[in-house]
């Protein structure tokens, strides 16, 4: 895997702002047109570069829009993160792992332009009382949105603090009603090679898939997010519906979900299948358990690069540690 070099390319290695500022729009335009190699853009556009919002052009891809009045949602103050500043929105929406679009975090924002998020249908299958195909609009009819500020910790040892808007997954489970035999829920990302430029070229076997035990899915922290920073979730961040499990590494928070399947047997997960020595099935944030290629004891805050100590379960041990007691 060559991603090690990409993951550990430090921001200090990027060309400083005073050098690239007069070329920003030219470079961004070339990247969006596919005329600029990602390696060049990665050197040219640091985290504070302008980012591409989902377009409003009616001639472009159809994009999901939440019902009127959804934003801003009421903030649930039980999940405040007082010890860290909120990550700048431009940084959080221009530094994204979404390999189906690009292996380069700074390029994802420029590669999502063909990805269509409306209409968006979600399959609910397996050991569940209410199987079927639901329109995403149905989620808003049955579930109430709220905003939560969460720490977000990547297995690559960088982190953010961001405000998500979404539905508590516990309420989703109550709505679809898993049967008494269900023990796990497996989730799948959309797979559209014609809209996802790197879905085939990377060599990974997509669609992406993840899973939680029902105890994890029903934990009060688990959130099905459809918004970020008080507005629609950008496509590079997993629009129109993604999982957020803040006590786990970000790889568990699957993006652009199109299917939930409830099972009795423990289902496989993408990275645990691909690299079992590097990614556990649970992938909880454990600072005392190093990744085979780097320490997990510290993390780098995005975008300022400040190093801070990593907290057990990303600071949520009081809410989730009991799930893993033997």
Protein backbone atom coordinates (compact mmCIF):
# COMPACT_ATOMS: atom_id res chain seq x y z
CA UNK A 1 0.00 0.00 0.00
CA UNK A 2 1.39 3.36 -1.03
CA UNK A 3 -1.03 5.26 1.15
CA UNK A 4 1.51 5.47 3.96
CA UNK A 5 3.33 8.25 2.16
CA UNK A 6 0.09 10.10 1.48
CA UNK A 7 -1.13 9.77 5.08
CA UNK A 8 2.09 11.10 6.56
CA UNK A 9 2.75 13.99 4.25
CA UNK A 10 2.90 16.83 6.74
CA UNK A 11 1.23 20.19 6.14
CA UNK A 12 4.59 21.89 6.63
CA UNK A 13 5.74 20.22 3.43
CA UNK A 14 3.06 22.02 1.44
CA UNK A 15 3.91 25.21 -0.43
CA UNK A 16 3.20 28.22 1.82
CA UNK A 17 0.15 30.39 1.21
CA UNK A 18 2.07 33.44 0.02
CA UNK A 19 3.51 31.36 -2.80
CA UNK A 20 0.33 29.85 -4.14
CA UNK A 21 -2.38 32.40 -3.34
CA UNK A 22 -2.28 34.08 -6.79
CA UNK A 23 -2.57 30.71 -8.50
CA UNK A 24 -5.31 29.20 -6.32
CA UNK A 25 -8.24 29.65 -8.68
CA UNK A 26 -6.26 28.52 -11.72
CA UNK A 27 -5.11 25.34 -9.98
CA UNK A 28 -8.55 24.59 -8.60
CA UNK A 29 -10.07 24.97 -12.03
CA UNK A 30 -7.53 22.64 -13.59
CA UNK A 31 -8.10 20.07 -10.85
CA UNK A 32 -11.84 20.17 -11.25
CA UNK A 33 -11.41 19.57 -14.98
CA UNK A 34 -9.13 16.62 -14.35
CA UNK A 35 -6.18 18.39 -15.99
CA UNK A 36 -3.98 18.67 -12.93
CA UNK A 37 -2.31 15.62 -11.37
CA UNK A 38 -3.33 15.10 -7.75
CA UNK A 39 0.29 15.11 -6.63
CA UNK A 40 0.68 18.68 -7.89
CA UNK A 41 -2.52 19.86 -6.25
CA UNK A 42 -1.51 18.24 -2.97
CA UNK A 43 1.65 20.36 -2.96
CA UNK A 44 -0.15 23.49 -4.09
CA UNK A 45 -3.30 23.66 -1.97
CA UNK A 46 -2.90 23.43 1.81
CA UNK A 47 -5.76 22.99 4.21
CA UNK A 48 -6.88 26.61 4.06
CA UNK A 49 -7.44 26.52 0.31
CA UNK A 50 -10.89 27.38 -0.99
CA UNK A 51 -13.15 24.35 -1.04
CA UNK A 52 -15.84 23.27 -3.45
CA UNK A 53 -19.35 23.44 -2.08
CA UNK A 54 -22.14 21.35 -3.54
CA UNK A 55 -23.31 23.32 -6.60
CA UNK A 56 -26.75 24.85 -6.88
CA UNK A 57 -26.70 24.65 -10.70
CA UNK A 58 -29.94 23.01 -11.81
CA UNK A 59 -28.13 21.56 -14.83
CA UNK A 60 -25.73 19.60 -12.62
CA UNK A 61 -26.29 16.35 -10.68
CA UNK A 62 -29.42 16.23 -8.57
CA UNK A 63 -28.59 16.71 -4.90
CA UNK A 64 -30.59 15.69 -1.86
CA UNK A 65 -32.01 18.54 0.18
CA UNK A 66 -33.42 18.07 3.67
CA UNK A 67 -36.97 19.28 4.32
CA UNK A 68 -37.39 22.99 4.84
CA UNK A 69 -36.72 24.00 8.44
CA UNK A 70 -34.25 21.18 9.12
CA UNK A 71 -31.35 23.60 9.57
CA UNK A 72 -30.28 24.80 11.97
CA UNK A 73 -31.19 21.85 14.15
CA UNK A 74 -31.28 22.19 17.93
CA UNK A 75 -27.85 21.54 19.40
CA UNK A 76 -27.68 18.78 21.99
CA UNK A 77 -25.45 20.34 24.65
CA UNK A 78 -24.80 16.97 26.28
CA UNK A 79 -22.07 16.38 23.70
CA UNK A 80 -20.04 19.57 24.01
CA UNK A 81 -16.28 19.42 23.44
CA UNK A 82 -15.05 22.23 25.65
CA UNK A 83 -11.33 21.50 25.64
CA UNK A 84 -10.79 21.88 21.88
CA UNK A 85 -11.67 24.55 19.32
CA UNK A 86 -14.12 23.79 16.57
CA UNK A 87 -12.31 22.86 13.37
CA UNK A 88 -12.55 25.46 10.62
CA UNK A 89 -15.30 24.48 8.17
CA UNK A 90 -13.08 24.92 5.13
CA UNK A 91 -10.54 22.51 6.59
CA UNK A 92 -13.15 19.91 7.51
CA UNK A 93 -14.66 19.96 4.02
CA UNK A 94 -11.39 19.94 2.08
CA UNK A 95 -9.43 17.21 3.90
CA UNK A 96 -11.36 13.99 3.40
CA UNK A 97 -10.70 10.29 3.02
CA UNK A 98 -13.08 8.95 0.37
CA UNK A 99 -11.07 6.56 -1.76
CA UNK A 100 -13.82 5.98 -4.31
CA UNK A 101 -13.16 9.54 -5.48
CA UNK A 102 -9.44 9.94 -4.80
CA UNK A 103 -6.62 8.59 -2.64
CA UNK A 104 -5.56 12.19 -2.09
CA UNK A 105 -7.49 13.86 0.73
CA UNK A 106 -7.25 17.32 -0.82
CA UNK A 107 -8.50 16.11 -4.20
CA UNK A 108 -11.74 14.50 -3.04
CA UNK A 109 -13.58 17.83 -2.95
CA UNK A 110 -12.81 18.32 -6.65
CA UNK A 111 -13.78 14.80 -7.73
CA UNK A 112 -17.35 14.61 -6.40
CA UNK A 113 -18.97 16.83 -9.03
CA UNK A 114 -20.70 13.98 -10.89
CA UNK A 115 -21.97 12.24 -7.75
CA UNK A 116 -25.77 12.44 -7.59
CA UNK A 117 -27.47 12.24 -4.20
CA UNK A 118 -31.13 12.62 -5.22
CA UNK A 119 -33.19 10.60 -5.29
CA UNK A 120 -31.54 8.57 -2.52
CA UNK A 121 -32.95 5.22 -1.52
CA UNK A 122 -31.82 3.09 1.41
CA UNK A 123 -32.37 -0.65 1.63
CA UNK A 124 -33.23 -2.12 5.02
CA UNK A 125 -32.73 -5.88 4.98
CA UNK A 126 -32.07 -9.01 7.00
CA UNK A 127 -33.34 -9.73 10.50
CA UNK A 128 -35.62 -6.74 10.86
CA UNK A 129 -39.37 -6.28 11.32
CA UNK A 130 -39.66 -3.55 8.69
CA UNK A 131 -37.55 -4.55 5.68
CA UNK A 132 -37.83 -2.70 2.40
CA UNK A 133 -36.58 0.26 0.39
CA UNK A 134 -36.93 3.65 2.04
CA UNK A 135 -36.55 7.05 0.44
CA UNK A 136 -34.27 9.26 2.48
CA UNK A 137 -37.22 11.60 2.93
CA UNK A 138 -38.82 8.84 5.01
CA UNK A 139 -36.05 9.18 7.60
CA UNK A 140 -37.10 12.79 8.22
CA UNK A 141 -40.73 11.73 8.64
CA UNK A 142 -39.89 9.19 11.36
CA UNK A 143 -36.79 10.65 13.03
CA UNK A 144 -35.89 13.98 14.59
CA UNK A 145 -32.65 15.77 13.71
CA UNK A 146 -30.32 17.29 16.25
CA UNK A 147 -26.85 18.82 16.16
CA UNK A 148 -23.95 17.34 18.11
CA UNK A 149 -20.33 18.45 18.38
CA UNK A 150 -18.01 15.45 18.33
CA UNK A 151 -14.30 14.79 18.29
CA UNK A 152 -13.34 12.96 15.10
CA UNK A 153 -10.16 10.85 15.22
CA UNK A 154 -8.62 9.25 12.13
CA UNK A 155 -6.49 6.09 12.36
CA UNK A 156 -3.86 8.15 10.51
CA UNK A 157 -3.32 10.14 13.76
CA UNK A 158 -5.02 13.39 12.81
CA UNK A 159 -8.23 14.74 14.29
CA UNK A 160 -10.95 17.36 14.04
CA UNK A 161 -13.83 18.66 16.14
CA UNK A 162 -16.96 19.18 14.09
CA UNK A 163 -20.72 19.82 14.46
CA UNK A 164 -22.83 17.08 12.86
CA UNK A 165 -26.56 17.21 12.26
CA UNK A 166 -28.30 13.86 12.19
CA UNK A 167 -30.54 11.22 13.69
CA UNK A 168 -29.58 9.21 16.79
CA UNK A 169 -29.08 5.69 15.47
CA UNK A 170 -30.87 4.35 18.52
CA UNK A 171 -34.05 5.97 17.20
CA UNK A 172 -33.43 4.50 13.76
CA UNK A 173 -33.24 1.03 15.30
CA UNK A 174 -36.52 1.62 17.12
CA UNK A 175 -38.10 2.60 13.81
CA UNK A 176 -36.96 -0.40 11.73
CA UNK A 177 -37.17 -2.88 14.66
CA UNK A 178 -34.45 -5.56 14.40
CA UNK A 179 -35.71 -9.02 15.37
CA UNK A 180 -34.68 -10.77 18.58
CA UNK A 181 -32.15 -12.84 16.62
CA UNK A 182 -30.31 -9.81 15.20
CA UNK A 183 -26.89 -9.14 16.74
CA UNK A 184 -25.15 -6.93 14.17
CA UNK A 185 -25.86 -4.37 11.47
CA UNK A 186 -23.75 -4.21 8.32
CA UNK A 187 -23.78 -1.07 6.16
CA UNK A 188 -22.80 -0.45 2.55
CA UNK A 189 -21.65 2.64 0.66
CA UNK A 190 -23.01 3.52 -2.78
CA UNK A 191 -20.96 2.08 -5.62
CA UNK A 192 -21.17 4.07 -8.86
CA UNK A 193 -17.95 3.86 -10.89
CA UNK A 194 -19.33 6.27 -13.48
CA UNK A 195 -19.70 8.94 -10.77
CA UNK A 196 -16.76 7.90 -8.56
CA UNK A 197 -13.57 8.36 -10.63
CA UNK A 198 -11.28 6.22 -8.46
CA UNK A 199 -13.74 3.47 -7.54
CA UNK A 200 -12.05 1.11 -10.01
CA UNK A 201 -8.55 2.56 -10.40
CA UNK A 202 -7.51 2.20 -6.75
CA UNK A 203 -7.52 -1.59 -6.90
CA UNK A 204 -9.72 -1.91 -3.80
CA UNK A 205 -12.84 -4.07 -4.02
CA UNK A 206 -15.73 -1.68 -3.52
CA UNK A 207 -18.47 -1.12 -2.44
CA UNK A 208 -17.19 -0.11 0.98
CA UNK A 209 -18.82 -1.92 3.89
CA UNK A 210 -18.75 -1.56 7.65
CA UNK A 211 -20.53 -3.08 10.64
CA UNK A 212 -21.40 -2.56 14.29
CA UNK A 213 -22.81 -4.78 16.95
CA UNK A 214 -26.36 -3.79 17.81
CA UNK A 215 -25.10 -2.74 21.24
CA UNK A 216 -22.71 -0.30 19.54
CA UNK A 217 -25.30 0.87 17.03
CA UNK A 218 -27.78 1.48 19.85
CA UNK A 219 -25.31 3.41 21.97
CA UNK A 220 -26.37 7.00 22.52
CA UNK A 221 -23.30 8.33 20.65
CA UNK A 222 -24.01 6.60 17.31
CA UNK A 223 -25.39 9.12 14.84
CA UNK A 224 -26.67 8.94 11.27
CA UNK A 225 -25.53 12.32 9.98
CA UNK A 226 -27.04 14.26 7.10
CA UNK A 227 -25.62 17.70 7.90
CA UNK A 228 -22.42 19.47 8.85
CA UNK A 229 -21.86 23.01 10.16
CA UNK A 230 -25.59 23.69 10.17
CA UNK A 231 -26.16 22.91 6.50
CA UNK A 232 -26.37 20.01 4.07
CA UNK A 233 -23.63 17.41 4.35
CA UNK A 234 -21.16 17.94 1.46
CA UNK A 235 -20.59 15.00 -0.83
CA UNK A 236 -16.90 14.77 0.06
CA UNK A 237 -17.98 14.27 3.69
CA UNK A 238 -20.38 11.44 2.87
CA UNK A 239 -23.64 12.99 1.67
CA UNK A 240 -26.43 12.46 1.93
CA UNK A 241 -26.28 10.00 4.86
CA UNK A 242 -23.32 8.70 6.83
CA UNK A 243 -22.53 7.09 10.13
CA UNK A 244 -20.65 8.87 12.93
CA UNK A 245 -19.24 6.78 15.79
CA UNK A 246 -16.92 9.22 17.58
CA UNK A 247 -15.25 6.69 19.90
CA UNK A 248 -13.95 4.75 16.91
CA UNK A 249 -11.42 5.63 14.23
CA UNK A 250 -12.98 7.45 11.29
CA UNK A 251 -12.79 4.42 9.01
CA UNK A 252 -15.79 3.00 10.91
CA UNK A 253 -17.96 6.03 10.09
CA UNK A 254 -19.10 4.79 6.69
CA UNK A 255 -20.17 7.40 4.12
CA UNK A 256 -23.02 7.65 1.60
CA UNK A 257 -24.92 4.70 3.04
CA UNK A 258 -27.35 2.83 0.76
CA UNK A 259 -28.02 -0.33 2.77
CA UNK A 260 -28.44 -1.58 6.33
CA UNK A 261 -28.49 -5.35 6.77
CA UNK A 262 -29.21 -6.92 10.15
CA UNK A 263 -27.53 -10.26 10.87
CA UNK A 264 -27.07 -12.86 13.58
CA UNK A 265 -23.49 -13.70 12.61
CA UNK A 266 -20.67 -11.18 12.84
CA UNK A 267 -20.27 -9.63 9.36
CA UNK A 268 -16.96 -8.63 7.76
CA UNK A 269 -15.71 -5.04 7.56
CA UNK A 270 -13.75 -3.48 4.71
CA UNK A 271 -10.39 -2.59 6.27
CA UNK A 272 -10.32 -5.53 8.65
CA UNK A 273 -10.68 -7.76 5.60
CA UNK A 274 -8.08 -5.86 3.57
CA UNK A 275 -5.44 -5.47 6.30
CA UNK A 276 -6.39 -7.45 9.43
CA UNK A 277 -3.01 -6.86 11.08
CA UNK A 278 -3.51 -3.09 10.86
CA UNK A 279 -7.25 -2.59 11.42
CA UNK A 280 -9.28 -4.44 14.01
CA UNK A 281 -12.96 -5.20 13.57
CA UNK A 282 -13.90 -2.78 16.35
CA UNK A 283 -11.30 -0.11 15.48
CA UNK A 284 -11.87 1.71 18.75
CA UNK A 285 -9.59 4.64 19.56
CA UNK A 286 -6.97 3.09 21.83
CA UNK A 287 -3.90 5.29 22.40
CA UNK A 288 -2.00 2.45 24.07
CA UNK A 289 -2.43 0.14 21.08
CA UNK A 290 -0.11 1.36 18.30
CA UNK A 291 -0.80 0.88 14.64
CA UNK A 292 1.91 -1.43 13.21
CA UNK A 293 3.44 1.56 11.41
CA UNK A 294 2.96 4.44 13.85
CA UNK A 295 2.02 5.36 17.39
CA UNK A 296 -1.57 6.21 18.31
CA UNK A 297 -0.57 7.99 21.55
CA UNK A 298 -0.86 11.45 19.98
CA UNK A 299 -2.86 13.11 17.24
CA UNK A 300 -2.44 16.16 15.03
CA UNK A 301 -5.24 18.71 15.13
CA UNK A 302 -6.52 19.87 11.75
CA UNK A 303 -5.77 22.46 10.49
CA UNK A 304 -3.21 23.99 12.88
CA UNK A 305 -1.07 20.87 13.33
CA UNK A 306 -0.99 21.07 17.13
CA UNK A 307 -0.08 17.75 18.75
CA UNK A 308 -2.31 16.56 21.58
CA UNK A 309 -2.54 13.33 23.53
CA UNK A 310 -5.10 10.86 22.28
CA UNK A 311 -7.81 9.99 24.78
CA UNK A 312 -9.06 6.44 25.37
CA UNK A 313 -12.13 5.89 23.22
CA UNK A 314 -11.48 9.42 21.92
CA UNK A 315 -12.69 10.88 25.21
CA UNK A 316 -15.95 8.92 25.34
CA UNK A 317 -14.89 6.09 27.64
CA UNK A 318 -17.58 6.85 30.19
CA UNK A 319 -20.25 6.13 27.56
CA UNK A 320 -18.78 3.17 25.70
CA UNK A 321 -16.09 1.35 27.70
CA UNK A 322 -18.74 -0.87 29.27
CA UNK A 323 -19.51 -2.29 25.81
CA UNK A 324 -16.14 -4.01 25.76
CA UNK A 325 -15.90 -5.36 29.29
CA UNK A 326 -15.23 -9.09 29.33
